[in-house]
Amino acid sequence: MTKRALFLTAIGISLWMAFLQPTSLHGASAQILGWNNLGMHCMDSDYSVFSILPPYNTIESQLIVAGKLVTNGSGYTVTYQAVADSDGSFNSTAMGKGNYYSYATALYGATLAPEGGLAGWSMPGTNNTPQGMLFENTNHPAAGVSTPVNWFRAEGIPISPFDDGHQKNPYPMMRLIAKNGATPIATNDIVLPVSDEMDCRACHASGGQPAAQPLDGWVWSGNPERDFRLNILRLHDDYEFAFDPDFYEEALIARGFNPQGLYRGVVADGKPVLCAACHASEALGTASYGDIPSLTASVHSLHATVRDPDLHIRLDSSDHRGACYRCHPGSTTKCLRGAMGGAIAKDGSLEMQCQSCHGNMSAVGSGSRVGWFMEPNCQSCHTGTATSNNGQIRYTSCFETNGAVRQAVNQTFATQPNIPATGISLYRFSAGHGGLQCSACHGSTHAEFPATHRNDNVRNEKIQGHAGVMVECTSCHTSMSVSSTTAKGGPHGMHPVGSSWVSDHHDFIGNLADCQACHGTDYRGTALSRMQATRAINVSMDSTAVSFPTFKGAEVGCYNCHNGPSQDSANVTANPVANNLATNTLNNVALTFSLPVSGSSAAARVISQPAHGSVGVTNNVATYFPEAGFVGTDTFTFAAWNGSKNSTLATGTVAVAQGPFSVVAKAFVPASYPAQWAVPFTVVATPVNVNATPTYDWNFGDGSTHNTNQYAMHPYAAPGIYNWSLAASVQNGAIIATTNITGTIIIGAPLSLAATASGGFISLSWPLVTPDVLVEESPSVGLDARWIVSTNAIVNGGGANFMSAPNSGNHFYRLRKL
C-alpha cells in the first residue's frame, strides 16, 4: 500500500473548503483565562448563631502573551471588577447584604474594613474600583503543602448571592482585565458562584422532624434564620453532654465557649459559634480539638442514616442528587451544572449524580478521608482513548461495581499525580498543555464547560466564539499552522482543527494508529472525535461534492468524506436525513414521539438539550420531559448518524402549555404558648407544576386581622383555646389552587416570675412554657437599667423552672423571650 493511498496526498484529489477562519490562522496576541477555584462557594445566610463558612470566593487566572504562558508576573497586572450579566444583575458591594460583617470579628477574629475579605482581597465597592490579583509561582493550599502554579490569584473575595439591587443571583460576574504596564492587553468575564442555600430547616425548624427535636423542646424563635440554628445547637448540646460531659465541657472552655453549652453561649452571651473551632475544616485551615472528628466527617456520617422528609429516600442513597441538594446548594442554585451535571441519559433522566464522583454520604463522611483534598479525579471516568481504556472511553461513575475507585489504564486525560501533595491528584491544581491549568480550558469543578447556566459560558463565548471547552488554538496562539509538530502537539495529543487541518492532514499523519485513538479502530468516529463547534466547511473531491455537515456535536471519521483512510475516492453514499418537528404538551405530561429521521441505518441522537426540560432517545423514539412549571416554547436539536455520515442538524420545537397545578404546604405552629407573647406562625409552601409565588392568609381564630406573611407573629390577649387556619394559594391566570390547613393552639396565662426569699438566698420560679426564656437581672430599673443574663444554674421540676440567687443588695429580675 503506497504512501499516497495511506495518507491521501493531494495528487489527483482536489479539496476546497470555505471555513470561518482562513487557512493561515491568526489569533490573539494576548489572552487572560480566568476561573473560580471550586465552581461553587457556600456561605451562611445568617451569622448570629453559628457559622460553617464565610463569604470566601477565589479567582485564579493565567495570562498568555504571544502564545506563551506568563511565568513571571513582572510588568503585568490583572484586576477584577463587577460587570453586569445579560439580565442586568450587577454585584459590586458586600455591604448591606446580610449580617456577616456584624459577626466577623466574633467568629473569625478579624477586624474587617468595609468590603474587606478575610484573606485581604475586597469587593470592588459601589464605585466598582478594580481590585488587584497576586501573581504566584507556588500556591499553598494547606499548611505544609506547596504546589507549582503560574497564575494570578485573588482569594477570599466576600461576595454574596445578592446583587446591588438585592435580587438573588448565585452566579454574579466579574471582569478580569490584564495590563502590560498601563496598557490593557486582554479581558474576559467570569462567574464568581456563591450560594447561601445551605439550609437545615427542613428537619431542624421548630415543629419539624420529631427525631430532630431537642430534649428541652423546640426553640420556637420568631426569627426563622435563627430558629433552626438554635435547635441544632440545643440538639448538639444534648448529644455531647450525654455522650461525654467532662470532655465536652473541657472542649467548650478550651475554645472560649460557655461551659453550659453552645446554645447557652449564643442566647445568654451573644457569642456565635464557629463550627470549625472544634471540628477540623480543610476549607478554613483549622484543626480539631483533641480527637473530635472533622466537620465534613461529623456532618456527613451522622446524616447518612437520615431519611429525607420530602423525597423519602435515605440521604446515603446514591440514586438521586437530591440527597445532596437537601443541604448543599441544589434545589434553587443547582450548583452541579457542568458538562457532567447536565448530561442526560437515554431515558431522559440525569445521567450523573453528585455521588457518581464523590460516593455516598457514608463515603464522604469517612473518618479517614481528608475533605476538599481526597476527591475524585478525571481518569476514574475518562479512562483513555478509543484504543486504550478500561473497557469504555468514558464511564458515568468513578467507581467499579465493587465500590473501588476505578484506576485508569491510560493517562491521556489524567490529572497530575502527587499534585498538590503526595498521594493526591486534584483537577483544580493540575496543569497540562503549555503549563495551563486544567481549569483554564475546561472550567471550574462542578461547572465544567459547557455549563447549563448561561453566565458560566460567557467567558468562552467571548474568547472563542462558542461555548464549550477551549478548542480554538488561535484564541491563545497568535497563529496556528498545520505541521508534523502541531499534528499531535495540542492538549491531550490533539491536532489543530478547521479548514487548514482538513486540507493538509494527509501530509502530516505519521501513523494511522494515531488516528484510531480518537476516531476508533474502524475510523468512523467516537465521542472523542465529535466537533466542538459549528463550522462552515464544504468539501469537494475530484470535482465530486461531498455532503459534510459540520455542526457542534457531529461525529467525525474518515468516512464522512472518503471511503476510509486508505481510499482516495469520495464517499458518495447518501447522508441520513433528519427533519424539523413541532409538537405540544402540557407541562405535567411527558411526551413521547418518533423523531423524523430516515435513511439506511439512521440512528437519531440529541445534540443539544432543551433549556426547560430534557429529551431521551431510544431507537429513534424520543421522550420530552418538561421542566415543572415551565410554560412556553422549548427547543432542542438532533441529528441522525448512519455509521459513516451525519445528517444536517434538525430542530425539535415543543409548545408547552400549563397543566393542572397545586400547592403543597406545611404549617409550623406551637401547640401552646403564654398569652401576650407573640406566637410564631410559619408556613413552608411549594408550588407544584406552576411558576408562581405562593400567597398566604392566616386566620388566628381570635377575631384579629388576618396576616399574609410566610413568617407571621401574633400575640393572643387572653388565655383560651383558639382554632387557627391557613390558606396557601398559587395562581396562574384566572385559576387559583389553594391548600387549607387548620389547627388548635392552647394559650395559657401570661408568664410571670415569682420570687421567694429564704435566708440569704432568693428563689425564682416560673412555669415551663413552650418558648425558651432567659432570666435577666439589673441593679436598677427604668432608664438606668443595665440588664444582663443571669448565669445562675436553672433546674426544672413539677412543671416549673427554678433558679436560686444571693439575696443581697438591690437586684431586679425579668424574663425575656428568645
Foldseek 3Di string as FASTA:
>chain_A
DDLCLQQVPCVQWDKDKDWPADLWHFFAQKEKFKFWLFLEDEWAQAPQAETADAQKTKMKMWMFGQLATDQDCPQKWKWKWWDADPVRFTAQAPPPRYCCQVAVCLEPVDNADGQAFPVGWGGCPPVRNITTWAFDQWDDLAVPFIAGAGITMDIGRRTAQAGPVRDGHQWGKMKMFMDRNPHTRYIFMATRGYDNQQDDCCAQAAQHPPVLAAPLGFQQDLDRSVRSSLSNQRNVLRVVCVPPLVVQLVLCVVLVADSSGSSCRCVFVSRHYYPCSAAPDSVVRGHHDDPDHHPLLVVLQVQQQPARPPVRHRLQDQPDLVSVVVRPVPPPNNSLWAPQQCDAAQQFHRLAHPCLWANGSNSRNDRVDDPPFPTGWDCLFCQFFQVAWPPDRGDRHQADPVGHGHDHPHCLPTFDAQVRHHPTGDLSRGADQSSHRNCSFQNHVSHGWPTLDPNRQRRVCVQPVGTGGDQASSSRHRTDHFALCQCQRGRSRHHHDDDSCVVCVSPRDPDVVSQCRACNPQQQFDQSQFAQAFIRIWTAISNRTFDAGRHGGWGDGPLSFPDHSSRRHGNPDDAKAFEAEEEEDELQDKDKDATPIDDAQWDKDWRFAKSAWTWRHDRRIIITHGHQADAAKIKTKMWIDRSRHIHHIYMYIYGYHHDDWAKDKDWRWDQEFAAPFWTKIAMDMDITRHDWDKWKWKDFQPPDHTDTDRIDIHGHHAWDKGKMKMWIWTDDPPDIHIDIDIDIHTYHHHWDWDWDDDPFKIKIKTFSGNHDKFKWKFLDDDPPTDTRTDPFDWDDDPRMIMGMDTDDHRMDIDIDTD
